[in-house]
Amino acid sequence: IPIITIEIEVPGYPCVYTEGKTGMRLAIEHLIKEHNKTKIGFVSGRKENADAKDRLNTYKQVLTENNIPVSEDRIVYGNFSEFTEELVDDLLERNPDLEAIVFANDQMAIGGYAAIKKRGLEIGKDILVTGYDDSPASIVLSPMLTTVHNKIMDMGYHSVYEVINLLQTGKTNLSVLNSSLVVRTS
């Protein structure tokens, strides 16, 4: 049975995935270089999740490259769901001087928005926020969320194309899509 994997490389099988480090790097550099922010928190996914690890490592790497100390006190761990309000409350309680928060996905930013607004802070002015996924929620949030576009629709298209190619020729290619930054008003 022909098999193509999506987002997970399995030795011996072709894979279609989005390279997310570039987009995450662009989001964090945007906060640092375009907005001169240095006090940046991070809301990660679960510690054992590969995507969460990659995004957190990119956060740490970009801060280090820009001579910004990495503080474990500015990092919290969620589960990629919107139920992050308490986590963000805790993050802001411990770091009331945060200038920005990077969320490892857009869903977690939903709870983050609630926690930030509950403190009377205006997102996009008092504190900047970025997400990851460019999900439909990112344009429904107010203000609209600056996020990383991970080409999920393109991934579906490329997967179908590669399956057809595999069935017709017995061959396929590794398809790597590039993530990008979508700047909005958060």
N, C-alpha and C. Protein backbone atom coordinates (compact mmCIF):
# COMPACT_ATOMS: atom_id res chain seq x y z
N ILE A 1 0.86 -1.18 0.00
CA ILE A 1 0.00 0.00 0.00
C ILE A 1 0.90 1.24 0.00
N PRO A 2 0.74 2.12 -0.98
CA PRO A 2 1.54 3.34 -1.00
C PRO A 2 1.21 4.24 0.20
N ILE A 3 2.25 4.78 0.82
CA ILE A 3 2.06 5.62 2.00
C ILE A 3 2.87 6.90 1.85
N ILE A 4 2.23 8.01 2.20
CA ILE A 4 2.90 9.31 2.32
C ILE A 4 2.55 9.84 3.70
N THR A 5 3.55 10.31 4.42
CA THR A 5 3.28 10.87 5.74
C THR A 5 3.15 12.39 5.64
N ILE A 6 2.41 12.95 6.57
CA ILE A 6 2.20 14.39 6.62
C ILE A 6 2.70 14.89 7.97
N GLU A 7 3.64 15.82 7.94
CA GLU A 7 4.18 16.48 9.13
C GLU A 7 5.09 15.62 10.00
N ILE A 8 5.21 14.31 9.71
CA ILE A 8 6.11 13.46 10.48
C ILE A 8 6.92 12.63 9.50
N GLU A 9 8.24 12.74 9.60
CA GLU A 9 9.10 11.95 8.73
C GLU A 9 9.26 10.55 9.31
N VAL A 10 8.97 9.55 8.47
CA VAL A 10 9.15 8.15 8.83
C VAL A 10 10.14 7.58 7.83
N PRO A 11 11.26 7.04 8.29
CA PRO A 11 12.27 6.51 7.35
C PRO A 11 11.65 5.55 6.34
N GLY A 12 12.00 5.78 5.07
CA GLY A 12 11.53 4.92 4.00
C GLY A 12 10.25 5.37 3.33
N TYR A 13 9.60 6.42 3.87
CA TYR A 13 8.35 6.91 3.29
C TYR A 13 8.48 8.38 2.94
N PRO A 14 7.87 8.77 1.82
CA PRO A 14 7.89 10.20 1.47
C PRO A 14 7.05 10.99 2.47
N CYS A 15 7.39 12.27 2.59
CA CYS A 15 6.74 13.12 3.60
C CYS A 15 6.44 14.49 3.02
N VAL A 16 5.34 15.07 3.44
CA VAL A 16 5.00 16.45 3.13
C VAL A 16 4.92 17.18 4.46
N TYR A 17 5.68 18.26 4.61
CA TYR A 17 5.62 19.00 5.86
C TYR A 17 5.98 20.47 5.64
N THR A 18 5.60 21.27 6.62
CA THR A 18 5.94 22.69 6.60
C THR A 18 7.11 22.92 7.53
N GLU A 19 8.12 23.58 7.03
CA GLU A 19 9.28 23.95 7.82
C GLU A 19 8.86 25.20 8.61
N GLY A 20 8.71 25.07 9.91
CA GLY A 20 8.15 26.15 10.72
C GLY A 20 9.14 27.06 11.39
N LYS A 21 10.40 26.68 11.44
CA LYS A 21 11.39 27.51 12.14
C LYS A 21 11.53 28.89 11.51
N THR A 22 11.47 28.95 10.19
CA THR A 22 11.63 30.24 9.50
C THR A 22 10.54 31.22 9.92
N GLY A 23 9.30 30.78 9.89
CA GLY A 23 8.19 31.66 10.28
C GLY A 23 8.27 32.09 11.73
N MET A 24 8.61 31.15 12.63
CA MET A 24 8.74 31.48 14.05
C MET A 24 9.86 32.48 14.25
N ARG A 25 10.97 32.26 13.57
CA ARG A 25 12.10 33.20 13.65
C ARG A 25 11.67 34.60 13.18
N LEU A 26 10.95 34.66 12.09
CA LEU A 26 10.50 35.95 11.55
C LEU A 26 9.58 36.67 12.53
N ALA A 27 8.71 35.91 13.21
CA ALA A 27 7.79 36.51 14.18
C ALA A 27 8.54 37.13 15.35
N ILE A 28 9.51 36.41 15.88
CA ILE A 28 10.27 36.90 17.03
C ILE A 28 11.18 38.05 16.62
N GLU A 29 11.82 37.92 15.48
CA GLU A 29 12.67 39.02 14.99
C GLU A 29 11.84 40.27 14.70
N HIS A 30 10.61 40.09 14.26
CA HIS A 30 9.71 41.22 14.03
C HIS A 30 9.49 42.00 15.34
N LEU A 31 9.26 41.28 16.42
CA LEU A 31 9.06 41.94 17.72
C LEU A 31 10.32 42.69 18.15
N ILE A 32 11.47 42.08 17.92
CA ILE A 32 12.74 42.66 18.36
C ILE A 32 13.17 43.81 17.46
N LYS A 33 13.16 43.59 16.16
CA LYS A 33 13.74 44.56 15.22
C LYS A 33 12.77 45.65 14.78
N GLU A 34 11.50 45.31 14.62
CA GLU A 34 10.53 46.31 14.16
C GLU A 34 9.91 47.08 15.33
N HIS A 35 9.82 46.44 16.48
CA HIS A 35 9.14 47.07 17.63
C HIS A 35 10.06 47.30 18.82
N ASN A 36 11.34 46.93 18.69
CA ASN A 36 12.33 47.14 19.75
C ASN A 36 11.94 46.52 21.09
N LYS A 37 11.34 45.33 21.04
CA LYS A 37 10.93 44.64 22.26
C LYS A 37 12.03 43.68 22.70
N THR A 38 12.29 43.66 24.00
CA THR A 38 13.29 42.75 24.55
C THR A 38 12.73 41.88 25.68
N LYS A 39 11.61 42.27 26.23
CA LYS A 39 10.98 41.51 27.32
C LYS A 39 9.84 40.71 26.71
N ILE A 40 10.20 39.52 26.23
CA ILE A 40 9.28 38.71 25.43
C ILE A 40 9.04 37.38 26.12
N GLY A 41 7.77 37.09 26.41
CA GLY A 41 7.39 35.82 27.00
C GLY A 41 7.06 34.81 25.93
N PHE A 42 6.98 33.54 26.33
CA PHE A 42 6.68 32.48 25.38
C PHE A 42 5.70 31.50 26.00
N VAL A 43 4.61 31.21 25.29
CA VAL A 43 3.65 30.20 25.72
C VAL A 43 3.82 29.01 24.78
N SER A 44 4.41 27.96 25.30
CA SER A 44 4.74 26.76 24.52
C SER A 44 3.63 25.74 24.60
N GLY A 45 3.73 24.74 23.76
CA GLY A 45 2.89 23.56 23.90
C GLY A 45 3.52 22.63 24.92
N ARG A 46 3.07 21.40 24.96
CA ARG A 46 3.61 20.43 25.92
C ARG A 46 5.11 20.22 25.73
N LYS A 47 5.81 20.02 26.83
CA LYS A 47 7.27 19.86 26.79
C LYS A 47 7.72 18.72 25.89
N GLU A 48 6.93 17.65 25.80
CA GLU A 48 7.34 16.48 25.03
C GLU A 48 6.93 16.55 23.55
N ASN A 49 6.18 17.57 23.16
CA ASN A 49 5.72 17.70 21.78
C ASN A 49 6.83 18.24 20.88
N ALA A 50 7.07 17.57 19.75
CA ALA A 50 8.17 17.96 18.85
C ALA A 50 8.00 19.37 18.29
N ASP A 51 6.77 19.73 17.86
CA ASP A 51 6.54 21.08 17.34
C ASP A 51 6.78 22.13 18.42
N ALA A 52 6.30 21.84 19.62
CA ALA A 52 6.49 22.78 20.73
C ALA A 52 7.98 22.96 21.01
N LYS A 53 8.73 21.88 21.00
CA LYS A 53 10.18 21.95 21.24
C LYS A 53 10.87 22.80 20.17
N ASP A 54 10.51 22.57 18.90
CA ASP A 54 11.12 23.33 17.80
C ASP A 54 10.84 24.83 17.95
N ARG A 55 9.60 25.16 18.25
CA ARG A 55 9.22 26.58 18.37
C ARG A 55 9.88 27.23 19.58
N LEU A 56 9.95 26.51 20.69
CA LEU A 56 10.61 27.03 21.88
C LEU A 56 12.11 27.19 21.63
N ASN A 57 12.72 26.22 21.00
CA ASN A 57 14.15 26.33 20.70
C ASN A 57 14.44 27.50 19.76
N THR A 58 13.56 27.74 18.82
CA THR A 58 13.73 28.89 17.92
C THR A 58 13.63 30.19 18.71
N TYR A 59 12.66 30.27 19.62
CA TYR A 59 12.52 31.45 20.50
C TYR A 59 13.82 31.71 21.26
N LYS A 60 14.33 30.65 21.89
CA LYS A 60 15.56 30.79 22.68
C LYS A 60 16.74 31.20 21.80
N GLN A 61 16.84 30.59 20.63
CA GLN A 61 17.94 30.89 19.72
C GLN A 61 17.89 32.34 19.23
N VAL A 62 16.72 32.82 18.85
CA VAL A 62 16.60 34.19 18.34
C VAL A 62 16.91 35.20 19.46
N LEU A 63 16.41 34.94 20.66
CA LEU A 63 16.73 35.84 21.77
C LEU A 63 18.24 35.88 22.00
N THR A 64 18.86 34.72 22.06
CA THR A 64 20.31 34.64 22.29
C THR A 64 21.08 35.38 21.20
N GLU A 65 20.69 35.18 19.94
CA GLU A 65 21.36 35.85 18.82
C GLU A 65 21.25 37.37 18.89
N ASN A 66 20.20 37.85 19.57
CA ASN A 66 19.98 39.29 19.69
C ASN A 66 20.38 39.82 21.07
N ASN A 67 21.21 39.04 21.77
CA ASN A 67 21.74 39.43 23.08
C ASN A 67 20.66 39.74 24.10
N ILE A 68 19.58 38.98 24.04
CA ILE A 68 18.49 39.11 25.00
C ILE A 68 18.55 37.86 25.88
N PRO A 69 18.69 38.03 27.19
CA PRO A 69 18.77 36.87 28.07
C PRO A 69 17.51 36.01 27.99
N VAL A 70 17.70 34.70 27.96
CA VAL A 70 16.58 33.76 28.00
C VAL A 70 16.29 33.46 29.46
N SER A 71 15.06 33.75 29.87
CA SER A 71 14.66 33.51 31.25
C SER A 71 13.57 32.45 31.28
N GLU A 72 13.82 31.35 31.99
CA GLU A 72 12.82 30.30 32.12
C GLU A 72 11.55 30.83 32.79
N ASP A 73 11.69 31.92 33.54
CA ASP A 73 10.54 32.53 34.21
C ASP A 73 9.58 33.17 33.21
N ARG A 74 10.04 33.39 31.99
CA ARG A 74 9.20 33.99 30.95
C ARG A 74 8.60 32.94 30.01
N ILE A 75 8.70 31.67 30.38
CA ILE A 75 8.19 30.58 29.55
C ILE A 75 7.17 29.78 30.35
N VAL A 76 6.02 29.51 29.73
CA VAL A 76 5.01 28.63 30.33
C VAL A 76 4.62 27.57 29.29
N TYR A 77 4.04 26.48 29.78
CA TYR A 77 3.72 25.34 28.92
C TYR A 77 2.23 25.06 28.94
N GLY A 78 1.62 25.13 27.76
CA GLY A 78 0.21 24.82 27.61
C GLY A 78 0.05 23.50 26.88
N ASN A 79 -1.10 23.34 26.22
CA ASN A 79 -1.34 22.08 25.50
C ASN A 79 -1.94 22.33 24.11
N PHE A 80 -1.64 23.47 23.53
CA PHE A 80 -2.11 23.85 22.20
C PHE A 80 -3.62 24.08 22.15
N SER A 81 -4.28 24.21 23.30
CA SER A 81 -5.71 24.53 23.32
C SER A 81 -5.89 25.97 23.78
N GLU A 82 -7.12 26.47 23.65
CA GLU A 82 -7.39 27.86 24.04
C GLU A 82 -7.48 28.05 25.55
N PHE A 83 -7.34 26.99 26.31
CA PHE A 83 -7.47 27.09 27.77
C PHE A 83 -6.13 27.48 28.40
N THR A 84 -5.70 28.69 28.10
CA THR A 84 -4.41 29.19 28.59
C THR A 84 -4.54 30.42 29.48
N GLU A 85 -5.75 30.81 29.77
CA GLU A 85 -5.94 32.05 30.52
C GLU A 85 -5.18 32.03 31.84
N GLU A 86 -5.25 30.94 32.59
CA GLU A 86 -4.55 30.86 33.88
C GLU A 86 -3.04 30.87 33.68
N LEU A 87 -2.54 30.19 32.64
CA LEU A 87 -1.10 30.20 32.36
C LEU A 87 -0.60 31.61 32.07
N VAL A 88 -1.35 32.33 31.26
CA VAL A 88 -0.95 33.69 30.90
C VAL A 88 -1.10 34.63 32.09
N ASP A 89 -2.13 34.42 32.92
CA ASP A 89 -2.25 35.18 34.17
C ASP A 89 -0.99 35.01 35.01
N ASP A 90 -0.55 33.76 35.15
CA ASP A 90 0.65 33.45 35.93
C ASP A 90 1.89 34.10 35.29
N LEU A 91 2.01 33.98 33.98
CA LEU A 91 3.15 34.57 33.26
C LEU A 91 3.21 36.08 33.49
N LEU A 92 2.06 36.74 33.38
CA LEU A 92 2.03 38.20 33.56
C LEU A 92 2.20 38.60 35.03
N GLU A 93 1.75 37.77 35.92
CA GLU A 93 1.93 38.03 37.36
C GLU A 93 3.41 38.02 37.71
N ARG A 94 4.12 37.03 37.18
CA ARG A 94 5.56 36.91 37.43
C ARG A 94 6.39 37.89 36.63
N ASN A 95 5.84 38.40 35.54
CA ASN A 95 6.57 39.29 34.62
C ASN A 95 5.68 40.46 34.21
N PRO A 96 5.36 41.35 35.13
CA PRO A 96 4.44 42.45 34.79
C PRO A 96 5.02 43.43 33.76
N ASP A 97 6.32 43.33 33.49
CA ASP A 97 6.95 44.24 32.54
C ASP A 97 7.06 43.66 31.13
N LEU A 98 6.41 42.50 30.88
CA LEU A 98 6.48 41.91 29.54
C LEU A 98 5.99 42.91 28.49
N GLU A 99 6.71 42.94 27.38
CA GLU A 99 6.35 43.83 26.28
C GLU A 99 5.68 43.06 25.14
N ALA A 100 5.87 41.74 25.14
CA ALA A 100 5.30 40.90 24.09
C ALA A 100 5.21 39.46 24.57
N ILE A 101 4.27 38.73 23.97
CA ILE A 101 4.14 37.30 24.23
C ILE A 101 4.02 36.58 22.89
N VAL A 102 4.84 35.55 22.73
CA VAL A 102 4.80 34.69 21.55
C VAL A 102 4.07 33.41 21.96
N PHE A 103 3.03 33.08 21.21
CA PHE A 103 2.28 31.85 21.46
C PHE A 103 2.69 30.82 20.42
N ALA A 104 2.86 29.57 20.84
CA ALA A 104 3.28 28.50 19.94
C ALA A 104 2.18 28.06 18.99
N ASN A 105 0.95 28.54 19.21
CA ASN A 105 -0.12 28.39 18.22
C ASN A 105 -1.22 29.41 18.48
N ASP A 106 -2.08 29.59 17.50
CA ASP A 106 -3.13 30.60 17.59
C ASP A 106 -4.18 30.25 18.64
N GLN A 107 -4.48 28.97 18.82
CA GLN A 107 -5.49 28.57 19.79
C GLN A 107 -5.12 29.04 21.20
N MET A 108 -3.86 28.88 21.56
CA MET A 108 -3.44 29.32 22.89
C MET A 108 -3.53 30.83 23.03
N ALA A 109 -3.38 31.55 21.93
CA ALA A 109 -3.49 33.01 21.97
C ALA A 109 -4.90 33.46 22.35
N ILE A 110 -5.90 32.64 22.07
CA ILE A 110 -7.28 33.00 22.42
C ILE A 110 -7.40 33.21 23.93
N GLY A 111 -6.95 32.23 24.71
CA GLY A 111 -6.98 32.38 26.16
C GLY A 111 -6.05 33.49 26.63
N GLY A 112 -4.93 33.66 25.92
CA GLY A 112 -4.00 34.73 26.24
C GLY A 112 -4.63 36.10 26.07
N TYR A 113 -5.39 36.27 25.02
CA TYR A 113 -6.09 37.55 24.80
C TYR A 113 -7.00 37.86 26.00
N ALA A 114 -7.74 36.85 26.47
CA ALA A 114 -8.65 37.06 27.60
C ALA A 114 -7.88 37.48 28.84
N ALA A 115 -6.77 36.81 29.13
CA ALA A 115 -5.97 37.14 30.31
C ALA A 115 -5.37 38.54 30.20
N ILE A 116 -4.89 38.88 29.04
CA ILE A 116 -4.27 40.20 28.84
C ILE A 116 -5.31 41.30 28.98
N LYS A 117 -6.45 41.12 28.34
CA LYS A 117 -7.52 42.14 28.40
C LYS A 117 -8.08 42.28 29.81
N LYS A 118 -8.13 41.16 30.55
CA LYS A 118 -8.62 41.19 31.93
C LYS A 118 -7.76 42.11 32.80
N ARG A 119 -6.49 42.25 32.44
CA ARG A 119 -5.57 43.12 33.18
C ARG A 119 -5.66 44.57 32.74
N GLY A 120 -6.52 44.84 31.78
CA GLY A 120 -6.67 46.20 31.28
C GLY A 120 -5.60 46.62 30.28
N LEU A 121 -4.84 45.66 29.77
CA LEU A 121 -3.80 45.95 28.79
C LEU A 121 -4.40 45.92 27.38
N GLU A 122 -3.95 46.83 26.54
CA GLU A 122 -4.43 46.87 25.16
C GLU A 122 -3.44 46.14 24.26
N ILE A 123 -3.92 45.06 23.67
CA ILE A 123 -3.08 44.25 22.78
C ILE A 123 -2.76 45.06 21.52
N GLY A 124 -1.50 45.05 21.15
CA GLY A 124 -1.05 45.81 19.99
C GLY A 124 -0.48 47.16 20.38
N LYS A 125 -0.74 47.58 21.63
CA LYS A 125 -0.19 48.85 22.13
C LYS A 125 0.59 48.64 23.42
N ASP A 126 -0.09 48.16 24.46
CA ASP A 126 0.58 47.95 25.75
C ASP A 126 1.45 46.69 25.72
N ILE A 127 1.01 45.71 24.97
CA ILE A 127 1.72 44.44 24.85
C ILE A 127 1.44 43.87 23.46
N LEU A 128 2.48 43.34 22.83
CA LEU A 128 2.32 42.74 21.50
C LEU A 128 2.16 41.23 21.63
N VAL A 129 1.44 40.64 20.68
CA VAL A 129 1.15 39.21 20.72
C VAL A 129 1.35 38.62 19.33
N THR A 130 1.99 37.45 19.27
CA THR A 130 2.06 36.70 18.01
C THR A 130 1.61 35.27 18.26
N GLY A 131 1.16 34.64 17.17
CA GLY A 131 0.73 33.25 17.24
C GLY A 131 1.44 32.42 16.20
N TYR A 132 0.86 31.26 15.93
CA TYR A 132 1.43 30.36 14.93
C TYR A 132 0.30 29.49 14.39
N ASP A 133 0.13 29.42 13.12
CA ASP A 133 -0.82 28.59 12.37
C ASP A 133 -1.62 29.38 11.35
N ASP A 134 -1.85 30.67 11.60
CA ASP A 134 -2.72 31.48 10.75
C ASP A 134 -4.08 30.80 10.62
N SER A 135 -4.61 30.39 11.76
CA SER A 135 -5.92 29.73 11.81
C SER A 135 -7.03 30.76 11.59
N PRO A 136 -8.25 30.31 11.31
CA PRO A 136 -9.36 31.26 11.17
C PRO A 136 -9.54 32.15 12.39
N ALA A 137 -9.19 31.66 13.57
CA ALA A 137 -9.31 32.47 14.78
C ALA A 137 -8.44 33.72 14.73
N SER A 138 -7.34 33.66 14.00
CA SER A 138 -6.40 34.78 13.97
C SER A 138 -7.00 36.05 13.39
N ILE A 139 -7.98 35.92 12.51
CA ILE A 139 -8.60 37.13 11.94
C ILE A 139 -9.90 37.50 12.64
N VAL A 140 -10.38 36.62 13.53
CA VAL A 140 -11.58 36.91 14.30
C VAL A 140 -11.23 37.61 15.61
N LEU A 141 -10.03 37.33 16.13
CA LEU A 141 -9.60 37.98 17.36
C LEU A 141 -9.51 39.49 17.16
N SER A 142 -9.72 40.23 18.23
CA SER A 142 -9.62 41.68 18.15
C SER A 142 -8.60 42.16 19.18
N PRO A 143 -7.51 42.76 18.69
CA PRO A 143 -7.15 43.01 17.30
C PRO A 143 -6.72 41.71 16.60
N MET A 144 -6.74 41.75 15.26
CA MET A 144 -6.35 40.57 14.49
C MET A 144 -4.92 40.17 14.84
N LEU A 145 -4.71 38.87 14.94
CA LEU A 145 -3.46 38.30 15.43
C LEU A 145 -2.36 38.24 14.38
N THR A 146 -1.21 38.79 14.71
CA THR A 146 0.00 38.58 13.91
C THR A 146 0.40 37.13 14.14
N THR A 147 0.67 36.40 13.07
CA THR A 147 0.87 34.96 13.21
C THR A 147 1.78 34.41 12.12
N VAL A 148 2.12 33.16 12.27
CA VAL A 148 2.93 32.46 11.27
C VAL A 148 2.00 31.61 10.42
N HIS A 149 2.09 31.81 9.11
CA HIS A 149 1.30 31.03 8.16
C HIS A 149 2.05 29.74 7.86
N ASN A 150 1.43 28.60 8.17
CA ASN A 150 2.12 27.32 8.00
C ASN A 150 1.66 26.53 6.77
N LYS A 151 0.93 27.17 5.89
CA LYS A 151 0.57 26.59 4.58
C LYS A 151 -0.20 25.28 4.69
N ILE A 152 -1.13 25.20 5.62
CA ILE A 152 -1.88 23.97 5.83
C ILE A 152 -2.67 23.56 4.60
N MET A 153 -3.26 24.52 3.89
CA MET A 153 -4.02 24.20 2.67
C MET A 153 -3.07 23.70 1.58
N ASP A 154 -1.92 24.34 1.46
CA ASP A 154 -0.93 23.89 0.47
C ASP A 154 -0.45 22.48 0.78
N MET A 155 -0.34 22.17 2.07
CA MET A 155 0.10 20.84 2.47
C MET A 155 -0.89 19.79 1.98
N GLY A 156 -2.17 20.07 2.12
CA GLY A 156 -3.19 19.15 1.62
C GLY A 156 -3.08 18.96 0.11
N TYR A 157 -2.91 20.05 -0.61
CA TYR A 157 -2.77 20.00 -2.07
C TYR A 157 -1.55 19.17 -2.46
N HIS A 158 -0.40 19.47 -1.85
CA HIS A 158 0.83 18.75 -2.18
C HIS A 158 0.73 17.27 -1.82
N SER A 159 0.05 16.96 -0.73
CA SER A 159 -0.12 15.57 -0.33
C SER A 159 -0.90 14.79 -1.38
N VAL A 160 -2.00 15.37 -1.85
CA VAL A 160 -2.80 14.70 -2.88
C VAL A 160 -1.98 14.55 -4.16
N TYR A 161 -1.29 15.60 -4.54
CA TYR A 161 -0.46 15.56 -5.75
C TYR A 161 0.59 14.46 -5.64
N GLU A 162 1.25 14.37 -4.49
CA GLU A 162 2.30 13.35 -4.31
C GLU A 162 1.72 11.94 -4.27
N VAL A 163 0.52 11.76 -3.73
CA VAL A 163 -0.13 10.44 -3.72
C VAL A 163 -0.42 10.02 -5.17
N ILE A 164 -0.95 10.94 -5.96
CA ILE A 164 -1.22 10.63 -7.37
C ILE A 164 0.07 10.28 -8.09
N ASN A 165 1.10 11.07 -7.86
CA ASN A 165 2.41 10.82 -8.47
C ASN A 165 2.94 9.45 -8.05
N LEU A 166 2.79 9.12 -6.78
CA LEU A 166 3.25 7.84 -6.26
C LEU A 166 2.49 6.68 -6.90
N LEU A 167 1.18 6.82 -7.04
CA LEU A 167 0.36 5.77 -7.64
C LEU A 167 0.68 5.58 -9.12
N GLN A 168 0.94 6.70 -9.82
CA GLN A 168 1.17 6.63 -11.27
C GLN A 168 2.60 6.21 -11.62
N THR A 169 3.58 6.65 -10.85
CA THR A 169 4.97 6.42 -11.23
C THR A 169 5.75 5.56 -10.24
N GLY A 170 5.18 5.39 -9.06
CA GLY A 170 5.91 4.66 -8.02
C GLY A 170 6.96 5.50 -7.34
N LYS A 171 7.00 6.78 -7.70
CA LYS A 171 7.99 7.70 -7.12
C LYS A 171 7.29 8.93 -6.57
N THR A 172 7.96 9.58 -5.68
CA THR A 172 7.47 10.84 -5.13
C THR A 172 8.65 11.65 -4.62
N ASN A 173 8.40 12.85 -4.25
CA ASN A 173 9.44 13.74 -3.73
C ASN A 173 9.10 14.14 -2.30
N LEU A 174 10.11 14.45 -1.54
CA LEU A 174 9.89 15.05 -0.24
C LEU A 174 9.42 16.48 -0.49
N SER A 175 8.27 16.85 0.04
CA SER A 175 7.75 18.19 -0.17
C SER A 175 7.89 19.00 1.10
N VAL A 176 8.69 20.04 1.02
CA VAL A 176 8.89 20.93 2.16
C VAL A 176 8.31 22.29 1.80
N LEU A 177 7.36 22.73 2.59
CA LEU A 177 6.75 24.05 2.38
C LEU A 177 7.35 25.02 3.39
N ASN A 178 7.47 26.26 3.00
CA ASN A 178 8.07 27.26 3.89
C ASN A 178 6.98 28.05 4.62
N SER A 179 7.19 28.25 5.90
CA SER A 179 6.28 29.09 6.69
C SER A 179 6.65 30.54 6.49
N SER A 180 5.71 31.43 6.80
CA SER A 180 5.96 32.87 6.62
C SER A 180 5.21 33.66 7.68
N LEU A 181 5.61 34.89 7.86
CA LEU A 181 4.99 35.76 8.86
C LEU A 181 3.84 36.54 8.23
N VAL A 182 2.72 36.61 8.95
CA VAL A 182 1.58 37.42 8.54
C VAL A 182 1.42 38.50 9.62
N VAL A 183 1.78 39.73 9.25
CA VAL A 183 1.72 40.84 10.21
C VAL A 183 0.33 41.44 10.20
N ARG A 184 -0.26 41.48 11.38
CA ARG A 184 -1.58 42.10 11.54
C ARG A 184 -1.43 43.17 12.64
N THR A 185 -2.42 43.32 13.49
CA THR A 185 -2.41 44.46 14.41
C THR A 185 -2.16 44.11 15.88
N SER A 186 -1.83 42.87 16.17
CA SER A 186 -1.64 42.50 17.57
C SER A 186 -0.21 42.75 18.03
